N, C-alpha and C. Protein backbone atom coordinates (compact mmCIF):
# COMPACT_ATOMS: atom_id res chain seq x y z
N MET A 1 -6.87 17.15 -16.75
CA MET A 1 -8.26 17.41 -16.36
C MET A 1 -8.36 17.37 -14.83
N SER A 2 -9.04 18.35 -14.28
CA SER A 2 -9.16 18.41 -12.82
C SER A 2 -10.18 17.37 -12.34
N SER A 3 -10.00 16.92 -11.11
CA SER A 3 -10.94 15.95 -10.56
C SER A 3 -12.17 16.69 -10.05
N LEU A 4 -13.34 16.05 -10.22
CA LEU A 4 -14.59 16.66 -9.79
C LEU A 4 -14.76 16.51 -8.29
N LYS A 5 -15.56 17.38 -7.70
CA LYS A 5 -15.75 17.37 -6.26
C LYS A 5 -16.85 16.43 -5.82
N ILE A 6 -17.64 15.93 -6.78
CA ILE A 6 -18.73 15.00 -6.48
C ILE A 6 -18.49 13.71 -7.23
N LYS A 7 -18.67 12.59 -6.54
CA LYS A 7 -18.42 11.27 -7.12
C LYS A 7 -19.70 10.44 -7.12
N LYS A 8 -19.66 9.34 -7.86
CA LYS A 8 -20.77 8.39 -7.89
C LYS A 8 -20.96 7.82 -6.49
N GLY A 9 -22.22 7.77 -6.04
CA GLY A 9 -22.53 7.24 -4.71
C GLY A 9 -22.69 8.30 -3.64
N ASP A 10 -22.29 9.55 -3.93
CA ASP A 10 -22.44 10.64 -2.96
C ASP A 10 -23.91 11.03 -2.83
N MET A 11 -24.28 11.53 -1.66
CA MET A 11 -25.60 12.12 -1.47
C MET A 11 -25.48 13.62 -1.75
N VAL A 12 -26.40 14.14 -2.57
CA VAL A 12 -26.36 15.55 -2.94
C VAL A 12 -27.72 16.21 -2.73
N LYS A 13 -27.69 17.53 -2.63
CA LYS A 13 -28.91 18.33 -2.52
C LYS A 13 -28.94 19.29 -3.70
N VAL A 14 -30.09 19.39 -4.37
CA VAL A 14 -30.24 20.28 -5.52
C VAL A 14 -30.45 21.70 -4.99
N ILE A 15 -29.65 22.65 -5.50
CA ILE A 15 -29.72 24.02 -5.01
C ILE A 15 -30.32 24.98 -6.03
N ALA A 16 -30.59 24.49 -7.26
CA ALA A 16 -31.17 25.35 -8.29
C ALA A 16 -31.98 24.51 -9.27
N GLY A 17 -33.00 25.12 -9.86
CA GLY A 17 -33.81 24.45 -10.87
C GLY A 17 -35.16 24.00 -10.35
N LYS A 18 -35.86 23.23 -11.16
CA LYS A 18 -37.23 22.82 -10.82
C LYS A 18 -37.29 21.86 -9.65
N ASP A 19 -36.21 21.13 -9.39
CA ASP A 19 -36.16 20.17 -8.29
C ASP A 19 -35.40 20.71 -7.08
N LYS A 20 -35.40 22.03 -6.91
CA LYS A 20 -34.66 22.66 -5.82
C LYS A 20 -35.08 22.09 -4.46
N ASP A 21 -34.11 21.90 -3.56
CA ASP A 21 -34.27 21.38 -2.20
C ASP A 21 -34.53 19.88 -2.13
N LYS A 22 -34.51 19.17 -3.24
CA LYS A 22 -34.63 17.72 -3.21
C LYS A 22 -33.25 17.12 -3.02
N GLU A 23 -33.24 15.90 -2.44
CA GLU A 23 -31.97 15.22 -2.19
C GLU A 23 -31.99 13.86 -2.86
N GLY A 24 -30.82 13.35 -3.21
CA GLY A 24 -30.74 12.04 -3.85
C GLY A 24 -29.31 11.57 -3.95
N LYS A 25 -29.17 10.33 -4.38
CA LYS A 25 -27.87 9.69 -4.53
C LYS A 25 -27.41 9.80 -5.98
N VAL A 26 -26.12 10.08 -6.18
CA VAL A 26 -25.57 10.22 -7.52
C VAL A 26 -25.45 8.84 -8.17
N ILE A 27 -26.05 8.67 -9.34
CA ILE A 27 -26.01 7.41 -10.08
C ILE A 27 -24.81 7.36 -11.01
N ALA A 28 -24.58 8.47 -11.73
CA ALA A 28 -23.49 8.52 -12.70
C ALA A 28 -22.98 9.94 -12.84
N VAL A 29 -21.69 10.07 -13.18
CA VAL A 29 -21.07 11.38 -13.37
C VAL A 29 -20.49 11.43 -14.78
N ASN A 30 -20.79 12.50 -15.53
CA ASN A 30 -20.23 12.71 -16.85
C ASN A 30 -19.22 13.85 -16.75
N VAL A 31 -17.93 13.50 -16.72
CA VAL A 31 -16.86 14.48 -16.54
C VAL A 31 -16.76 15.41 -17.74
N LYS A 32 -16.99 14.88 -18.92
CA LYS A 32 -16.85 15.67 -20.15
C LYS A 32 -17.83 16.83 -20.20
N ASN A 33 -19.09 16.59 -19.80
CA ASN A 33 -20.13 17.64 -19.86
C ASN A 33 -20.40 18.30 -18.51
N ASN A 34 -19.69 17.90 -17.45
CA ASN A 34 -19.92 18.41 -16.10
C ASN A 34 -21.37 18.22 -15.66
N THR A 35 -21.92 17.04 -15.95
CA THR A 35 -23.28 16.74 -15.55
C THR A 35 -23.31 15.45 -14.74
N LEU A 36 -24.42 15.23 -14.03
CA LEU A 36 -24.58 13.98 -13.31
C LEU A 36 -26.02 13.56 -13.28
N LEU A 37 -26.24 12.27 -12.99
CA LEU A 37 -27.58 11.72 -12.84
C LEU A 37 -27.81 11.48 -11.37
N VAL A 38 -28.94 11.96 -10.86
CA VAL A 38 -29.28 11.81 -9.45
C VAL A 38 -30.61 11.07 -9.35
N GLU A 39 -30.69 10.10 -8.43
CA GLU A 39 -31.91 9.31 -8.25
C GLU A 39 -33.12 10.19 -7.99
N GLY A 40 -34.15 10.07 -8.82
CA GLY A 40 -35.41 10.78 -8.61
C GLY A 40 -35.40 12.26 -8.94
N ILE A 41 -34.31 12.77 -9.51
CA ILE A 41 -34.21 14.19 -9.82
C ILE A 41 -34.22 14.38 -11.34
N ASN A 42 -34.90 15.43 -11.81
CA ASN A 42 -34.99 15.77 -13.23
C ASN A 42 -35.52 14.60 -14.05
N MET A 43 -36.67 14.07 -13.61
CA MET A 43 -37.29 12.94 -14.30
C MET A 43 -37.82 13.37 -15.67
N VAL A 44 -37.49 12.59 -16.70
CA VAL A 44 -37.95 12.87 -18.05
C VAL A 44 -38.69 11.64 -18.59
N THR A 45 -39.56 11.86 -19.57
CA THR A 45 -40.26 10.75 -20.19
C THR A 45 -39.58 10.42 -21.51
N LYS A 46 -39.44 9.13 -21.77
CA LYS A 46 -38.81 8.67 -23.00
C LYS A 46 -39.75 7.66 -23.65
N HIS A 47 -39.99 7.84 -24.94
CA HIS A 47 -40.86 6.93 -25.67
C HIS A 47 -39.98 5.87 -26.33
N ALA A 48 -40.20 4.60 -25.95
CA ALA A 48 -39.36 3.51 -26.44
C ALA A 48 -40.17 2.56 -27.32
N LYS A 49 -39.56 2.19 -28.43
CA LYS A 49 -40.17 1.19 -29.31
C LYS A 49 -39.94 -0.19 -28.70
N PRO A 50 -40.80 -1.13 -28.96
CA PRO A 50 -40.57 -2.49 -28.47
C PRO A 50 -39.25 -3.05 -29.02
N SER A 51 -38.49 -3.70 -28.15
CA SER A 51 -37.22 -4.30 -28.56
C SER A 51 -37.04 -5.60 -27.79
N MET A 52 -35.93 -6.27 -28.00
CA MET A 52 -35.66 -7.52 -27.29
C MET A 52 -35.50 -7.25 -25.79
N ALA A 53 -34.87 -6.14 -25.45
CA ALA A 53 -34.67 -5.81 -24.03
C ALA A 53 -35.98 -5.36 -23.38
N ASN A 54 -36.76 -4.59 -24.10
CA ASN A 54 -38.04 -4.07 -23.59
C ASN A 54 -39.15 -4.54 -24.53
N GLN A 55 -39.75 -5.69 -24.25
CA GLN A 55 -40.75 -6.30 -25.12
C GLN A 55 -41.99 -5.41 -25.29
N GLN A 56 -42.38 -4.74 -24.21
CA GLN A 56 -43.61 -3.96 -24.22
C GLN A 56 -43.45 -2.63 -24.94
N GLY A 57 -42.31 -1.97 -24.75
CA GLY A 57 -42.14 -0.62 -25.28
C GLY A 57 -42.93 0.35 -24.43
N GLY A 58 -43.33 1.50 -24.99
CA GLY A 58 -44.16 2.45 -24.28
C GLY A 58 -43.38 3.62 -23.72
N ILE A 59 -43.96 4.27 -22.72
CA ILE A 59 -43.38 5.47 -22.13
C ILE A 59 -42.58 5.09 -20.89
N LEU A 60 -41.31 5.48 -20.87
CA LEU A 60 -40.43 5.20 -19.73
C LEU A 60 -40.14 6.50 -19.00
N HIS A 61 -40.04 6.43 -17.68
CA HIS A 61 -39.65 7.57 -16.87
C HIS A 61 -38.25 7.31 -16.34
N GLN A 62 -37.32 8.24 -16.65
CA GLN A 62 -35.95 8.06 -16.20
C GLN A 62 -35.32 9.40 -15.85
N GLU A 63 -34.18 9.33 -15.16
CA GLU A 63 -33.50 10.54 -14.72
C GLU A 63 -32.79 11.20 -15.90
N GLY A 64 -32.85 12.52 -15.93
CA GLY A 64 -32.12 13.28 -16.94
C GLY A 64 -30.89 13.91 -16.29
N PRO A 65 -29.92 14.30 -17.09
CA PRO A 65 -28.71 14.90 -16.53
C PRO A 65 -28.98 16.27 -15.91
N ILE A 66 -28.27 16.57 -14.84
CA ILE A 66 -28.36 17.87 -14.18
C ILE A 66 -26.94 18.41 -14.06
N ASP A 67 -26.80 19.71 -14.22
CA ASP A 67 -25.47 20.30 -14.17
C ASP A 67 -24.87 20.19 -12.77
N ILE A 68 -23.57 19.95 -12.72
CA ILE A 68 -22.90 19.71 -11.44
C ILE A 68 -22.90 20.96 -10.56
N SER A 69 -23.05 22.14 -11.19
CA SER A 69 -23.06 23.39 -10.42
C SER A 69 -24.38 23.59 -9.69
N ASN A 70 -25.40 22.80 -10.03
CA ASN A 70 -26.71 22.95 -9.41
C ASN A 70 -26.92 22.03 -8.22
N VAL A 71 -25.90 21.32 -7.79
CA VAL A 71 -26.01 20.44 -6.63
C VAL A 71 -24.91 20.74 -5.63
N MET A 72 -25.18 20.37 -4.38
CA MET A 72 -24.22 20.53 -3.30
C MET A 72 -24.10 19.21 -2.55
N LEU A 73 -22.90 18.85 -2.19
CA LEU A 73 -22.66 17.60 -1.48
C LEU A 73 -23.26 17.66 -0.07
N LEU A 74 -23.87 16.56 0.35
CA LEU A 74 -24.39 16.45 1.72
C LEU A 74 -23.39 15.65 2.54
N HIS A 75 -22.90 16.27 3.62
CA HIS A 75 -22.01 15.58 4.55
C HIS A 75 -22.67 15.58 5.92
N LYS A 76 -23.03 14.39 6.38
CA LYS A 76 -23.76 14.22 7.65
C LYS A 76 -25.04 15.05 7.66
N GLY A 77 -25.75 15.06 6.52
CA GLY A 77 -27.05 15.71 6.44
C GLY A 77 -27.03 17.20 6.16
N THR A 78 -25.85 17.82 6.11
CA THR A 78 -25.79 19.25 5.84
C THR A 78 -25.08 19.51 4.52
N PRO A 79 -25.64 20.41 3.69
CA PRO A 79 -24.97 20.75 2.44
C PRO A 79 -23.68 21.51 2.72
N THR A 80 -22.63 21.17 2.00
CA THR A 80 -21.34 21.80 2.22
C THR A 80 -20.56 21.91 0.93
N ARG A 81 -19.68 22.90 0.89
CA ARG A 81 -18.76 22.98 -0.24
C ARG A 81 -17.64 21.97 -0.01
N VAL A 82 -16.96 21.62 -1.07
CA VAL A 82 -15.93 20.58 -1.00
C VAL A 82 -14.59 21.18 -1.37
N GLY A 83 -13.56 20.81 -0.61
CA GLY A 83 -12.20 21.22 -0.92
C GLY A 83 -11.30 20.01 -0.98
N PHE A 84 -10.10 20.23 -1.44
CA PHE A 84 -9.10 19.17 -1.49
C PHE A 84 -7.92 19.56 -0.62
N LYS A 85 -7.34 18.58 0.06
CA LYS A 85 -6.12 18.82 0.82
C LYS A 85 -5.30 17.53 0.83
N MET A 86 -4.04 17.67 1.18
CA MET A 86 -3.16 16.52 1.23
C MET A 86 -3.20 15.93 2.64
N ASP A 87 -3.46 14.63 2.70
CA ASP A 87 -3.43 13.89 3.97
C ASP A 87 -2.24 12.94 3.88
N GLY A 88 -1.10 13.42 4.36
CA GLY A 88 0.13 12.67 4.16
C GLY A 88 0.54 12.83 2.71
N ASP A 89 0.59 11.72 1.98
CA ASP A 89 0.91 11.79 0.55
C ASP A 89 -0.31 11.51 -0.33
N LYS A 90 -1.51 11.55 0.28
CA LYS A 90 -2.74 11.25 -0.44
C LYS A 90 -3.63 12.49 -0.51
N LYS A 91 -4.19 12.74 -1.68
CA LYS A 91 -5.11 13.86 -1.87
C LYS A 91 -6.51 13.41 -1.47
N VAL A 92 -7.16 14.14 -0.54
CA VAL A 92 -8.48 13.76 -0.05
C VAL A 92 -9.45 14.94 -0.17
N ARG A 93 -10.75 14.61 -0.24
CA ARG A 93 -11.79 15.62 -0.21
C ARG A 93 -12.15 15.91 1.23
N TYR A 94 -12.50 17.17 1.52
CA TYR A 94 -12.96 17.50 2.86
C TYR A 94 -14.10 18.50 2.79
N ALA A 95 -14.97 18.45 3.81
CA ALA A 95 -16.12 19.35 3.89
C ALA A 95 -15.64 20.69 4.44
N LYS A 96 -15.87 21.75 3.69
CA LYS A 96 -15.39 23.07 4.12
C LYS A 96 -16.16 23.59 5.33
N LYS A 97 -17.42 23.14 5.51
CA LYS A 97 -18.22 23.61 6.62
C LYS A 97 -17.70 23.09 7.95
N SER A 98 -17.33 21.79 7.99
CA SER A 98 -16.89 21.19 9.24
C SER A 98 -15.39 20.94 9.28
N GLY A 99 -14.76 20.91 8.13
CA GLY A 99 -13.34 20.63 8.07
C GLY A 99 -12.99 19.14 8.12
N GLU A 100 -14.01 18.28 8.13
CA GLU A 100 -13.79 16.84 8.23
C GLU A 100 -13.49 16.23 6.85
N VAL A 101 -12.68 15.19 6.86
CA VAL A 101 -12.34 14.48 5.63
C VAL A 101 -13.54 13.63 5.20
N ILE A 102 -13.91 13.71 3.93
CA ILE A 102 -15.06 12.96 3.41
C ILE A 102 -14.66 11.55 3.07
N ASP A 103 -13.53 11.40 2.33
CA ASP A 103 -13.07 10.05 1.99
C ASP A 103 -11.57 9.99 1.88
């Protein structure tokens, strides 16, 4: 399985869909479905029954998954495509716009 270009904790910008041009931090990445959860993006309502964890129950607002192709990584505030290159014997991500190593 190939490694994804976006990881948990990255800042991303939405480039397609109802939340276009919004930015947020990646909360979780689902490699199997190529989706991710981004803070404040694709908010959905969920109706929860009262339980031990949630005594009150009611309507919850939470992030829904967004396809990984609909976001772009932000590097120093600018959206950029991501590439991989070898830095010595280590594989690293780099921003294609500036050529700088991301991590």
